[in-house]
Amino acid sequence: VGIGVLAALQDPRKEVMNIRNLFPDKIALRLDESEQVDMVLGDG
C-alpha cells in the first residue's frame, strides 16, 4: 500500500534487531568484524 521503512543501527547482532529479516533490502557500511557482514547482508 505504499509505505516503506528505512531503519539504521550500529550493532547488527540479532538480539539487538530481532526483526532485521523483515527488511528485504540491506545496506552495510563499515563493520568491525568479518562475521558482522553476513549478520547484516545475509549468509554468504
PDB file of all heavy atoms in Angstrom:
ATOM      1  N   VAL A   1       0.820  -1.213   0.000  1.00  0.00           N
ATOM      2  CA  VAL A   1       0.000   0.000   0.000  1.00  0.00           C
ATOM      3  C   VAL A   1       0.855   1.264   0.000  1.00  0.00           C
ATOM      4  O   VAL A   1       0.365   2.359   0.273  1.00  0.00           O
ATOM      5  CB  VAL A   1      -0.978   0.009   1.196  1.00  0.00           C
ATOM      6  CG1 VAL A   1      -1.987  -1.118   1.063  1.00  0.00           C
ATOM      7  CG2 VAL A   1      -0.237  -0.087   2.528  1.00  0.00           C
ATOM      8  N   GLY A   2       2.139   1.111  -0.306  1.00  0.00           N
ATOM      9  CA  GLY A   2       2.988   2.281  -0.500  1.00  0.00           C
ATOM     10  C   GLY A   2       3.577   2.872   0.765  1.00  0.00           C
ATOM     11  O   GLY A   2       3.747   4.096   0.854  1.00  0.00           O
ATOM     12  N   ILE A   3       3.913   2.032   1.723  1.00  0.00           N
ATOM     13  CA  ILE A   3       4.568   2.501   2.940  1.00  0.00           C
ATOM     14  C   ILE A   3       5.807   1.644   3.182  1.00  0.00           C
ATOM     15  O   ILE A   3       5.719   0.418   3.323  1.00  0.00           O
ATOM     16  CB  ILE A   3       3.624   2.430   4.156  1.00  0.00           C
ATOM     17  CG1 ILE A   3       2.414   3.328   3.921  1.00  0.00           C
ATOM     18  CG2 ILE A   3       4.358   2.846   5.436  1.00  0.00           C
ATOM     19  CD1 ILE A   3       1.378   3.292   5.023  1.00  0.00           C
ATOM     20  N   GLY A   4       6.963   2.296   3.215  1.00  0.00           N
ATOM     21  CA  GLY A   4       8.221   1.595   3.431  1.00  0.00           C
ATOM     22  C   GLY A   4       8.898   2.081   4.699  1.00  0.00           C
ATOM     23  O   GLY A   4       8.574   3.145   5.230  1.00  0.00           O
ATOM     24  N   VAL A   5       9.850   1.289   5.179  1.00  0.00           N
ATOM     25  CA  VAL A   5      10.599   1.638   6.381  1.00  0.00           C
ATOM     26  C   VAL A   5      12.086   1.547   6.079  1.00  0.00           C
ATOM     27  O   VAL A   5      12.561   0.537   5.542  1.00  0.00           O
ATOM     28  CB  VAL A   5      10.257   0.696   7.561  1.00  0.00           C
ATOM     29  CG1 VAL A   5      11.069   1.078   8.797  1.00  0.00           C
ATOM     30  CG2 VAL A   5       8.765   0.726   7.872  1.00  0.00           C
ATOM     31  N   LEU A   6      12.811   2.598   6.427  1.00  0.00           N
ATOM     32  CA  LEU A   6      14.273   2.625   6.346  1.00  0.00           C
ATOM     33  C   LEU A   6      14.791   2.771   7.767  1.00  0.00           C
ATOM     34  O   LEU A   6      14.537   3.789   8.419  1.00  0.00           O
ATOM     35  CB  LEU A   6      14.750   3.793   5.489  1.00  0.00           C
ATOM     36  CG  LEU A   6      16.255   4.088   5.485  1.00  0.00           C
ATOM     37  CD1 LEU A   6      17.020   2.922   4.871  1.00  0.00           C
ATOM     38  CD2 LEU A   6      16.549   5.374   4.731  1.00  0.00           C
ATOM     39  N   ALA A   7      15.470   1.740   8.270  1.00  0.00           N
ATOM     40  CA  ALA A   7      15.947   1.760   9.646  1.00  0.00           C
ATOM     41  C   ALA A   7      17.464   1.628   9.680  1.00  0.00           C
ATOM     42  O   ALA A   7      18.050   0.839   8.924  1.00  0.00           O
ATOM     43  CB  ALA A   7      15.307   0.632  10.453  1.00  0.00           C
ATOM     44  N   ALA A   8      18.104   2.404  10.559  1.00  0.00           N
ATOM     45  CA  ALA A   8      19.558   2.369  10.698  1.00  0.00           C
ATOM     46  C   ALA A   8      19.927   1.985  12.122  1.00  0.00           C
ATOM     47  O   ALA A   8      19.252   2.359  13.081  1.00  0.00           O
ATOM     48  CB  ALA A   8      20.141   3.743  10.358  1.00  0.00           C
ATOM     49  N   LEU A   9      21.007   1.208  12.238  1.00  0.00           N
ATOM     50  CA  LEU A   9      21.517   0.870  13.556  1.00  0.00           C
ATOM     51  C   LEU A   9      23.006   0.593  13.462  1.00  0.00           C
ATOM     52  O   LEU A   9      23.544   0.386  12.370  1.00  0.00           O
ATOM     53  CB  LEU A   9      20.792  -0.329  14.153  1.00  0.00           C
ATOM     54  CG  LEU A   9      21.117  -1.737  13.637  1.00  0.00           C
ATOM     55  CD1 LEU A   9      20.606  -2.778  14.634  1.00  0.00           C
ATOM     56  CD2 LEU A   9      20.481  -1.996  12.277  1.00  0.00           C
ATOM     57  N   GLN A  10      23.683   0.619  14.613  1.00  0.00           N
ATOM     58  CA  GLN A  10      25.129   0.427  14.642  1.00  0.00           C
ATOM     59  C   GLN A  10      25.530  -0.990  15.011  1.00  0.00           C
ATOM     60  O   GLN A  10      26.606  -1.444  14.637  1.00  0.00           O
ATOM     61  CB  GLN A  10      25.748   1.410  15.636  1.00  0.00           C
ATOM     62  CG  GLN A  10      25.547   2.868  15.254  1.00  0.00           C
ATOM     63  CD  GLN A  10      26.199   3.815  16.235  1.00  0.00           C
ATOM     64  OE1 GLN A  10      27.250   3.529  16.796  1.00  0.00           O
ATOM     65  NE2 GLN A  10      25.575   4.953  16.449  1.00  0.00           N
ATOM     66  N   ASP A  11      24.696  -1.689  15.760  1.00  0.00           N
ATOM     67  CA  ASP A  11      25.025  -3.029  16.236  1.00  0.00           C
ATOM     68  C   ASP A  11      24.147  -4.045  15.508  1.00  0.00           C
ATOM     69  O   ASP A  11      22.937  -4.061  15.694  1.00  0.00           O
ATOM     70  CB  ASP A  11      24.786  -3.106  17.746  1.00  0.00           C
ATOM     71  CG  ASP A  11      25.290  -4.410  18.349  1.00  0.00           C
ATOM     72  OD1 ASP A  11      25.510  -5.381  17.602  1.00  0.00           O
ATOM     73  OD2 ASP A  11      25.463  -4.458  19.587  1.00  0.00           O
ATOM     74  N   PRO A  12      24.748  -4.894  14.651  1.00  0.00           N
ATOM     75  CA  PRO A  12      23.934  -5.794  13.825  1.00  0.00           C
ATOM     76  C   PRO A  12      23.538  -7.101  14.490  1.00  0.00           C
ATOM     77  O   PRO A  12      22.923  -7.948  13.853  1.00  0.00           O
ATOM     78  CB  PRO A  12      24.864  -6.067  12.641  1.00  0.00           C
ATOM     79  CG  PRO A  12      26.234  -6.053  13.251  1.00  0.00           C
ATOM     80  CD  PRO A  12      26.176  -4.987  14.321  1.00  0.00           C
ATOM     81  N   ARG A  13      23.864  -7.298  15.763  1.00  0.00           N
ATOM     82  CA  ARG A  13      23.538  -8.575  16.392  1.00  0.00           C
ATOM     83  C   ARG A  13      22.035  -8.828  16.415  1.00  0.00           C
ATOM     84  O   ARG A  13      21.247  -7.913  16.548  1.00  0.00           O
ATOM     85  CB  ARG A  13      24.082  -8.614  17.820  1.00  0.00           C
ATOM     86  CG  ARG A  13      25.607  -8.688  17.904  1.00  0.00           C
ATOM     87  CD  ARG A  13      26.048  -8.588  19.346  1.00  0.00           C
ATOM     88  NE  ARG A  13      25.635  -7.302  19.924  1.00  0.00           N
ATOM     89  CZ  ARG A  13      25.564  -7.076  21.229  1.00  0.00           C
ATOM     90  NH1 ARG A  13      25.851  -8.042  22.090  1.00  0.00           N
ATOM     91  NH2 ARG A  13      25.192  -5.890  21.686  1.00  0.00           N
ATOM     92  N   LYS A  14      21.648 -10.098  16.329  1.00  0.00           N
ATOM     93  CA  LYS A  14      20.246 -10.489  16.253  1.00  0.00           C
ATOM     94  C   LYS A  14      19.468 -10.048  17.484  1.00  0.00           C
ATOM     95  O   LYS A  14      18.316  -9.615  17.391  1.00  0.00           O
ATOM     96  CB  LYS A  14      20.160 -12.016  16.112  1.00  0.00           C
ATOM     97  CG  LYS A  14      18.751 -12.543  15.912  1.00  0.00           C
ATOM     98  CD  LYS A  14      18.261 -12.281  14.507  1.00  0.00           C
ATOM     99  CE  LYS A  14      16.946 -12.993  14.252  1.00  0.00           C
ATOM    100  NZ  LYS A  14      16.442 -12.780  12.889  1.00  0.00           N
ATOM    101  N   GLU A  15      20.099 -10.121  18.661  1.00  0.00           N
ATOM    102  CA  GLU A  15      19.385  -9.757  19.876  1.00  0.00           C
ATOM    103  C   GLU A  15      19.117  -8.264  19.964  1.00  0.00           C
ATOM    104  O   GLU A  15      18.267  -7.814  20.737  1.00  0.00           O
ATOM    105  CB  GLU A  15      20.160 -10.221  21.125  1.00  0.00           C
ATOM    106  CG  GLU A  15      21.574  -9.692  21.228  1.00  0.00           C
ATOM    107  CD  GLU A  15      22.603 -10.640  20.619  1.00  0.00           C
ATOM    108  OE1 GLU A  15      22.239 -11.379  19.680  1.00  0.00           O
ATOM    109  OE2 GLU A  15      23.747 -10.653  21.092  1.00  0.00           O
ATOM    110  N   VAL A  16      19.843  -7.482  19.167  1.00  0.00           N
ATOM    111  CA  VAL A  16      19.628  -6.039  19.134  1.00  0.00           C
ATOM    112  C   VAL A  16      18.525  -5.686  18.141  1.00  0.00           C
ATOM    113  O   VAL A  16      17.710  -4.796  18.372  1.00  0.00           O
ATOM    114  CB  VAL A  16      20.938  -5.300  18.774  1.00  0.00           C
ATOM    115  CG1 VAL A  16      20.685  -3.811  18.575  1.00  0.00           C
ATOM    116  CG2 VAL A  16      21.975  -5.508  19.869  1.00  0.00           C
ATOM    117  N   MET A  17      18.475  -6.403  17.033  1.00  0.00           N
ATOM    118  CA  MET A  17      17.473  -6.131  15.996  1.00  0.00           C
ATOM    119  C   MET A  17      16.838  -7.453  15.588  1.00  0.00           C
ATOM    120  O   MET A  17      17.213  -8.073  14.586  1.00  0.00           O
ATOM    121  CB  MET A  17      18.147  -5.445  14.800  1.00  0.00           C
ATOM    122  CG  MET A  17      17.187  -5.018  13.707  1.00  0.00           C
ATOM    123  SD  MET A  17      15.963  -3.832  14.300  1.00  0.00           S
ATOM    124  CE  MET A  17      15.218  -3.365  12.745  1.00  0.00           C
ATOM    125  N   ASN A  18      15.867  -7.911  16.373  1.00  0.00           N
ATOM    126  CA  ASN A  18      15.322  -9.244  16.123  1.00  0.00           C
ATOM    127  C   ASN A  18      14.335  -9.302  14.960  1.00  0.00           C
ATOM    128  O   ASN A  18      13.846 -10.372  14.633  1.00  0.00           O
ATOM    129  CB  ASN A  18      14.678  -9.809  17.399  1.00  0.00           C
ATOM    130  CG  ASN A  18      13.541  -8.947  17.920  1.00  0.00           C
ATOM    131  OD1 ASN A  18      13.108  -8.011  17.254  1.00  0.00           O
ATOM    132  ND2 ASN A  18      13.062  -9.253  19.107  1.00  0.00           N
ATOM    133  N   ILE A  19      14.041  -8.140  14.340  1.00  0.00           N
ATOM    134  CA  ILE A  19      13.155  -8.167  13.172  1.00  0.00           C
ATOM    135  C   ILE A  19      13.916  -7.776  11.900  1.00  0.00           C
ATOM    136  O   ILE A  19      13.308  -7.415  10.908  1.00  0.00           O
ATOM    137  CB  ILE A  19      11.936  -7.237  13.353  1.00  0.00           C
ATOM    138  CG1 ILE A  19      12.375  -5.775  13.543  1.00  0.00           C
ATOM    139  CG2 ILE A  19      11.057  -7.699  14.490  1.00  0.00           C
ATOM    140  CD1 ILE A  19      11.235  -4.783  13.464  1.00  0.00           C
ATOM    141  N   ARG A  20      15.232  -7.882  11.941  1.00  0.00           N
ATOM    142  CA  ARG A  20      16.011  -7.429  10.785  1.00  0.00           C
ATOM    143  C   ARG A  20      15.707  -8.219   9.523  1.00  0.00           C
ATOM    144  O   ARG A  20      15.849  -7.714   8.407  1.00  0.00           O
ATOM    145  CB  ARG A  20      17.506  -7.474  11.100  1.00  0.00           C
ATOM    146  CG  ARG A  20      18.081  -8.859  11.236  1.00  0.00           C
ATOM    147  CD  ARG A  20      19.553  -8.802  11.593  1.00  0.00           C
ATOM    148  NE  ARG A  20      20.126 -10.131  11.668  1.00  0.00           N
ATOM    149  CZ  ARG A  20      21.235 -10.422  12.313  1.00  0.00           C
ATOM    150  NH1 ARG A  20      21.881  -9.476  12.943  1.00  0.00           N
ATOM    151  NH2 ARG A  20      21.705 -11.647  12.337  1.00  0.00           N
ATOM    152  N   ASN A  21      15.267  -9.486   9.663  1.00  0.00           N
ATOM    153  CA  ASN A  21      14.940 -10.281   8.472  1.00  0.00           C
ATOM    154  C   ASN A  21      13.685  -9.785   7.767  1.00  0.00           C
ATOM    155  O   ASN A  21      13.376 -10.242   6.662  1.00  0.00           O
ATOM    156  CB  ASN A  21      14.781 -11.756   8.847  1.00  0.00           C
ATOM    157  CG  ASN A  21      16.110 -12.411   9.192  1.00  0.00           C
ATOM    158  OD1 ASN A  21      17.160 -11.932   8.783  1.00  0.00           O
ATOM    159  ND2 ASN A  21      16.062 -13.490   9.943  1.00  0.00           N
ATOM    160  N   LEU A  22      12.955  -8.874   8.400  1.00  0.00           N
ATOM    161  CA  LEU A  22      11.770  -8.311   7.758  1.00  0.00           C
ATOM    162  C   LEU A  22      12.125  -7.168   6.811  1.00  0.00           C
ATOM    163  O   LEU A  22      11.244  -6.641   6.131  1.00  0.00           O
ATOM    164  CB  LEU A  22      10.781  -7.823   8.824  1.00  0.00           C
ATOM    165  CG  LEU A  22      10.252  -8.902   9.776  1.00  0.00           C
ATOM    166  CD1 LEU A  22       9.270  -8.293  10.769  1.00  0.00           C
ATOM    167  CD2 LEU A  22       9.596 -10.031   9.005  1.00  0.00           C
ATOM    168  N   PHE A  23      13.402  -6.802   6.769  1.00  0.00           N
ATOM    169  CA  PHE A  23      13.872  -5.761   5.840  1.00  0.00           C
ATOM    170  C   PHE A  23      14.499  -6.457   4.642  1.00  0.00           C
ATOM    171  O   PHE A  23      15.604  -7.003   4.748  1.00  0.00           O
ATOM    172  CB  PHE A  23      14.882  -4.843   6.531  1.00  0.00           C
ATOM    173  CG  PHE A  23      14.278  -3.978   7.607  1.00  0.00           C
ATOM    174  CD1 PHE A  23      14.092  -4.466   8.892  1.00  0.00           C
ATOM    175  CD2 PHE A  23      13.893  -2.676   7.331  1.00  0.00           C
ATOM    176  CE1 PHE A  23      13.527  -3.673   9.882  1.00  0.00           C
ATOM    177  CE2 PHE A  23      13.333  -1.874   8.312  1.00  0.00           C
ATOM    178  CZ  PHE A  23      13.146  -2.382   9.591  1.00  0.00           C
ATOM    179  N   PRO A  24      13.838  -6.473   3.490  1.00  0.00           N
ATOM    180  CA  PRO A  24      14.328  -7.262   2.356  1.00  0.00           C
ATOM    181  C   PRO A  24      15.593  -6.700   1.706  1.00  0.00           C
ATOM    182  O   PRO A  24      16.410  -7.457   1.193  1.00  0.00           O
ATOM    183  CB  PRO A  24      13.152  -7.234   1.373  1.00  0.00           C
ATOM    184  CG  PRO A  24      12.398  -5.985   1.723  1.00  0.00           C
ATOM    185  CD  PRO A  24      12.539  -5.836   3.206  1.00  0.00           C
ATOM    186  N   ASP A  25      15.754  -5.387   1.708  1.00  0.00           N
ATOM    187  CA  ASP A  25      16.949  -4.761   1.133  1.00  0.00           C
ATOM    188  C   ASP A  25      17.841  -4.282   2.268  1.00  0.00           C
ATOM    189  O   ASP A  25      17.370  -3.663   3.224  1.00  0.00           O
ATOM    190  CB  ASP A  25      16.566  -3.578   0.240  1.00  0.00           C
ATOM    191  CG  ASP A  25      15.692  -3.997  -0.924  1.00  0.00           C
ATOM    192  OD1 ASP A  25      15.869  -5.126  -1.427  1.00  0.00           O
ATOM    193  OD2 ASP A  25      14.824  -3.205  -1.328  1.00  0.00           O
ATOM    194  N   LYS A  26      19.130  -4.565   2.164  1.00  0.00           N
ATOM    195  CA  LYS A  26      20.033  -4.287   3.270  1.00  0.00           C
ATOM    196  C   LYS A  26      21.271  -3.522   2.786  1.00  0.00           C
ATOM    197  O   LYS A  26      21.746  -3.732   1.665  1.00  0.00           O
ATOM    198  CB  LYS A  26      20.449  -5.588   3.944  1.00  0.00           C
ATOM    199  CG  LYS A  26      19.263  -6.379   4.518  1.00  0.00           C
ATOM    200  CD  LYS A  26      19.702  -7.727   5.053  1.00  0.00           C
ATOM    201  CE  LYS A  26      18.547  -8.467   5.712  1.00  0.00           C
ATOM    202  NZ  LYS A  26      17.473  -8.827   4.759  1.00  0.00           N
ATOM    203  N   ILE A  27      21.780  -2.654   3.661  1.00  0.00           N
ATOM    204  CA  ILE A  27      22.975  -1.866   3.366  1.00  0.00           C
ATOM    205  C   ILE A  27      23.946  -2.025   4.524  1.00  0.00           C
ATOM    206  O   ILE A  27      23.562  -1.881   5.683  1.00  0.00           O
ATOM    207  CB  ILE A  27      22.641  -0.370   3.193  1.00  0.00           C
ATOM    208  CG1 ILE A  27      21.603  -0.176   2.093  1.00  0.00           C
ATOM    209  CG2 ILE A  27      23.901   0.440   2.888  1.00  0.00           C
ATOM    210  CD1 ILE A  27      21.064   1.244   2.007  1.00  0.00           C
ATOM    211  N   ALA A  28      25.194  -2.321   4.216  1.00  0.00           N
ATOM    212  CA  ALA A  28      26.238  -2.406   5.234  1.00  0.00           C
ATOM    213  C   ALA A  28      27.297  -1.348   4.948  1.00  0.00           C
ATOM    214  O   ALA A  28      27.883  -1.328   3.862  1.00  0.00           O
ATOM    215  CB  ALA A  28      26.880  -3.789   5.239  1.00  0.00           C
ATOM    216  N   LEU A  29      27.528  -0.484   5.925  1.00  0.00           N
ATOM    217  CA  LEU A  29      28.644   0.447   5.845  1.00  0.00           C
ATOM    218  C   LEU A  29      29.841  -0.227   6.523  1.00  0.00           C
ATOM    219  O   LEU A  29      29.909  -1.443   6.582  1.00  0.00           O
ATOM    220  CB  LEU A  29      28.262   1.779   6.483  1.00  0.00           C
ATOM    221  CG  LEU A  29      27.031   2.465   5.850  1.00  0.00           C
ATOM    222  CD1 LEU A  29      26.718   3.776   6.562  1.00  0.00           C
ATOM    223  CD2 LEU A  29      27.229   2.701   4.365  1.00  0.00           C
ATOM    224  N   ARG A  30      30.781   0.531   7.031  1.00  0.00           N
ATOM    225  CA  ARG A  30      31.976  -0.078   7.619  1.00  0.00           C
ATOM    226  C   ARG A  30      31.605  -0.879   8.869  1.00  0.00           C
ATOM    227  O   ARG A  30      30.924  -0.379   9.764  1.00  0.00           O
ATOM    228  CB  ARG A  30      33.002   0.995   7.978  1.00  0.00           C
ATOM    229  CG  ARG A  30      34.321   0.421   8.492  1.00  0.00           C
ATOM    230  CD  ARG A  30      35.354   1.512   8.667  1.00  0.00           C
ATOM    231  NE  ARG A  30      34.966   2.456   9.696  1.00  0.00           N
ATOM    232  CZ  ARG A  30      35.205   2.304  10.996  1.00  0.00           C
ATOM    233  NH1 ARG A  30      35.829   1.213  11.422  1.00  0.00           N
ATOM    234  NH2 ARG A  30      34.826   3.224  11.857  1.00  0.00           N
ATOM    235  N   LEU A  31      32.077  -2.123   8.905  1.00  0.00           N
ATOM    236  CA  LEU A  31      31.837  -3.004  10.040  1.00  0.00           C
ATOM    237  C   LEU A  31      33.167  -3.401  10.675  1.00  0.00           C
ATOM    238  O   LEU A  31      34.214  -3.379  10.028  1.00  0.00           O
ATOM    239  CB  LEU A  31      31.075  -4.258   9.598  1.00  0.00           C
ATOM    240  CG  LEU A  31      29.662  -3.997   9.054  1.00  0.00           C
ATOM    241  CD1 LEU A  31      29.095  -5.252   8.411  1.00  0.00           C
ATOM    242  CD2 LEU A  31      28.741  -3.498  10.161  1.00  0.00           C
ATOM    243  N   ASP A  32      33.101  -3.793  11.944  1.00  0.00           N
ATOM    244  CA  ASP A  32      34.325  -4.095  12.683  1.00  0.00           C
ATOM    245  C   ASP A  32      34.847  -5.500  12.443  1.00  0.00           C
ATOM    246  O   ASP A  32      36.052  -5.739  12.459  1.00  0.00           O
ATOM    247  CB  ASP A  32      34.086  -3.910  14.191  1.00  0.00           C
ATOM    248  CG  ASP A  32      33.807  -2.465  14.559  1.00  0.00           C
ATOM    249  OD1 ASP A  32      34.354  -1.570  13.884  1.00  0.00           O
ATOM    250  OD2 ASP A  32      33.046  -2.238  15.515  1.00  0.00           O
ATOM    251  N   GLU A  33      33.946  -6.459  12.223  1.00  0.00           N
ATOM    252  CA  GLU A  33      34.348  -7.856  12.130  1.00  0.00           C
ATOM    253  C   GLU A  33      33.752  -8.509  10.890  1.00  0.00           C
ATOM    254  O   GLU A  33      32.659  -8.146  10.451  1.00  0.00           O
ATOM    255  CB  GLU A  33      33.888  -8.623  13.381  1.00  0.00           C
ATOM    256  CG  GLU A  33      34.415  -8.039  14.685  1.00  0.00           C
ATOM    257  CD  GLU A  33      33.750  -8.669  15.890  1.00  0.00           C
ATOM    258  OE1 GLU A  33      32.906  -9.559  15.687  1.00  0.00           O
ATOM    259  OE2 GLU A  33      34.076  -8.262  17.024  1.00  0.00           O
ATOM    260  N   SER A  34      34.473  -9.491  10.374  1.00  0.00           N
ATOM    261  CA  SER A  34      34.013 -10.173   9.162  1.00  0.00           C
ATOM    262  C   SER A  34      32.677 -10.881   9.388  1.00  0.00           C
ATOM    263  O   SER A  34      31.834 -10.941   8.489  1.00  0.00           O
ATOM    264  CB  SER A  34      35.073 -11.178   8.692  1.00  0.00           C
ATOM    265  OG  SER A  34      35.338 -12.144   9.697  1.00  0.00           O
ATOM    266  N   GLU A  35      32.459 -11.399  10.615  1.00  0.00           N
ATOM    267  CA  GLU A  35      31.211 -12.110  10.889  1.00  0.00           C
ATOM    268  C   GLU A  35      30.001 -11.178  10.805  1.00  0.00           C
ATOM    269  O   GLU A  35      28.882 -11.622  10.520  1.00  0.00           O
ATOM    270  CB  GLU A  35      31.256 -12.743  12.290  1.00  0.00           C
ATOM    271  CG  GLU A  35      32.276 -13.859  12.446  1.00  0.00           C
ATOM    272  CD  GLU A  35      33.680 -13.339  12.701  1.00  0.00           C
ATOM    273  OE1 GLU A  35      33.846 -12.098  12.834  1.00  0.00           O
ATOM    274  OE2 GLU A  35      34.606 -14.160  12.761  1.00  0.00           O
ATOM    275  N   GLN A  36      30.218  -9.892  11.041  1.00  0.00           N
ATOM    276  CA  GLN A  36      29.107  -8.950  11.022  1.00  0.00           C
ATOM    277  C   GLN A  36      28.558  -8.738   9.616  1.00  0.00           C
ATOM    278  O   GLN A  36      27.404  -8.337   9.455  1.00  0.00           O
ATOM    279  CB  GLN A  36      29.550  -7.617  11.614  1.00  0.00           C
ATOM    280  CG  GLN A  36      29.859  -7.687  13.100  1.00  0.00           C
ATOM    281  CD  GLN A  36      30.332  -6.354  13.641  1.00  0.00           C
ATOM    282  OE1 GLN A  36      30.808  -5.482  12.892  1.00  0.00           O
ATOM    283  NE2 GLN A  36      30.220  -6.171  14.948  1.00  0.00           N
ATOM    284  N   VAL A  37      29.369  -8.987   8.610  1.00  0.00           N
ATOM    285  CA  VAL A  37      28.923  -8.777   7.230  1.00  0.00           C
ATOM    286  C   VAL A  37      27.721  -9.661   6.919  1.00  0.00           C
ATOM    287  O   VAL A  37      26.701  -9.197   6.401  1.00  0.00           O
ATOM    288  CB  VAL A  37      30.068  -9.043   6.228  1.00  0.00           C
ATOM    289  CG1 VAL A  37      29.563  -8.888   4.792  1.00  0.00           C
ATOM    290  CG2 VAL A  37      31.237  -8.109   6.487  1.00  0.00           C
ATOM    291  N   ASP A  38      27.821 -10.953   7.254  1.00  0.00           N
ATOM    292  CA  ASP A  38      26.706 -11.864   6.998  1.00  0.00           C
ATOM    293  C   ASP A  38      25.533 -11.570   7.921  1.00  0.00           C
ATOM    294  O   ASP A  38      24.374 -11.834   7.568  1.00  0.00           O
ATOM    295  CB  ASP A  38      27.154 -13.317   7.164  1.00  0.00           C
ATOM    296  CG  ASP A  38      27.997 -13.792   5.986  1.00  0.00           C
ATOM    297  OD1 ASP A  38      28.246 -12.982   5.064  1.00  0.00           O
ATOM    298  OD2 ASP A  38      28.411 -14.972   5.986  1.00  0.00           O
ATOM    299  N   MET A  39      25.803 -11.023   9.117  1.00  0.00           N
ATOM    300  CA  MET A  39      24.707 -10.643  10.008  1.00  0.00           C
ATOM    301  C   MET A  39      23.832  -9.579   9.354  1.00  0.00           C
ATOM    302  O   MET A  39      22.606  -9.616   9.460  1.00  0.00           O
ATOM    303  CB  MET A  39      25.263 -10.078  11.324  1.00  0.00           C
ATOM    304  CG  MET A  39      25.895 -11.074  12.250  1.00  0.00           C
ATOM    305  SD  MET A  39      26.434 -10.240  13.764  1.00  0.00           S
ATOM    306  CE  MET A  39      27.444 -11.512  14.503  1.00  0.00           C
ATOM    307  N   VAL A  40      24.474  -8.647   8.673  1.00  0.00           N
ATOM    308  CA  VAL A  40      23.747  -7.538   8.071  1.00  0.00           C
ATOM    309  C   VAL A  40      23.177  -7.919   6.707  1.00  0.00           C
ATOM    310  O   VAL A  40      21.995  -7.698   6.428  1.00  0.00           O
ATOM    311  CB  VAL A  40      24.650  -6.297   7.928  1.00  0.00           C
ATOM    312  CG1 VAL A  40      23.913  -5.173   7.202  1.00  0.00           C
ATOM    313  CG2 VAL A  40      25.125  -5.823   9.296  1.00  0.00           C
ATOM    314  N   LEU A  41      24.008  -8.474   5.857  1.00  0.00           N
ATOM    315  CA  LEU A  41      23.625  -8.693   4.463  1.00  0.00           C
ATOM    316  C   LEU A  41      23.092 -10.086   4.162  1.00  0.00           C
ATOM    317  O   LEU A  41      22.574 -10.328   3.070  1.00  0.00           O
ATOM    318  CB  LEU A  41      24.822  -8.403   3.547  1.00  0.00           C
ATOM    319  CG  LEU A  41      25.364  -6.971   3.585  1.00  0.00           C
ATOM    320  CD1 LEU A  41      26.588  -6.846   2.682  1.00  0.00           C
ATOM    321  CD2 LEU A  41      24.297  -5.974   3.185  1.00  0.00           C
ATOM    322  N   GLY A  42      23.207 -10.993   5.115  1.00  0.00           N
ATOM    323  CA  GLY A  42      22.709 -12.347   4.885  1.00  0.00           C
ATOM    324  C   GLY A  42      23.843 -13.331   4.667  1.00  0.00           C
ATOM    325  O   GLY A  42      24.966 -12.960   4.315  1.00  0.00           O
ATOM    326  N   ASP A  43      23.533 -14.603   4.878  1.00  0.00           N
ATOM    327  CA  ASP A  43      24.541 -15.657   4.768  1.00  0.00           C
ATOM    328  C   ASP A  43      25.217 -15.647   3.402  1.00  0.00           C
ATOM    329  O   ASP A  43      24.550 -15.565   2.363  1.00  0.00           O
ATOM    330  CB  ASP A  43      23.898 -17.027   5.007  1.00  0.00           C
ATOM    331  CG  ASP A  43      23.445 -17.206   6.441  1.00  0.00           C
ATOM    332  OD1 ASP A  43      23.909 -16.442   7.307  1.00  0.00           O
ATOM    333  OD2 ASP A  43      22.630 -18.119   6.690  1.00  0.00           O
ATOM    334  N   GLY A  44      26.534 -15.746   3.448  1.00  0.00           N
ATOM    335  CA  GLY A  44      27.304 -15.837   2.214  1.00  0.00           C
ATOM    336  C   GLY A  44      27.628 -14.519   1.551  1.00  0.00           C
ATOM    337  O   GLY A  44      28.309 -14.501   0.522  1.00  0.00           O
TER     338      GLY A  44
END
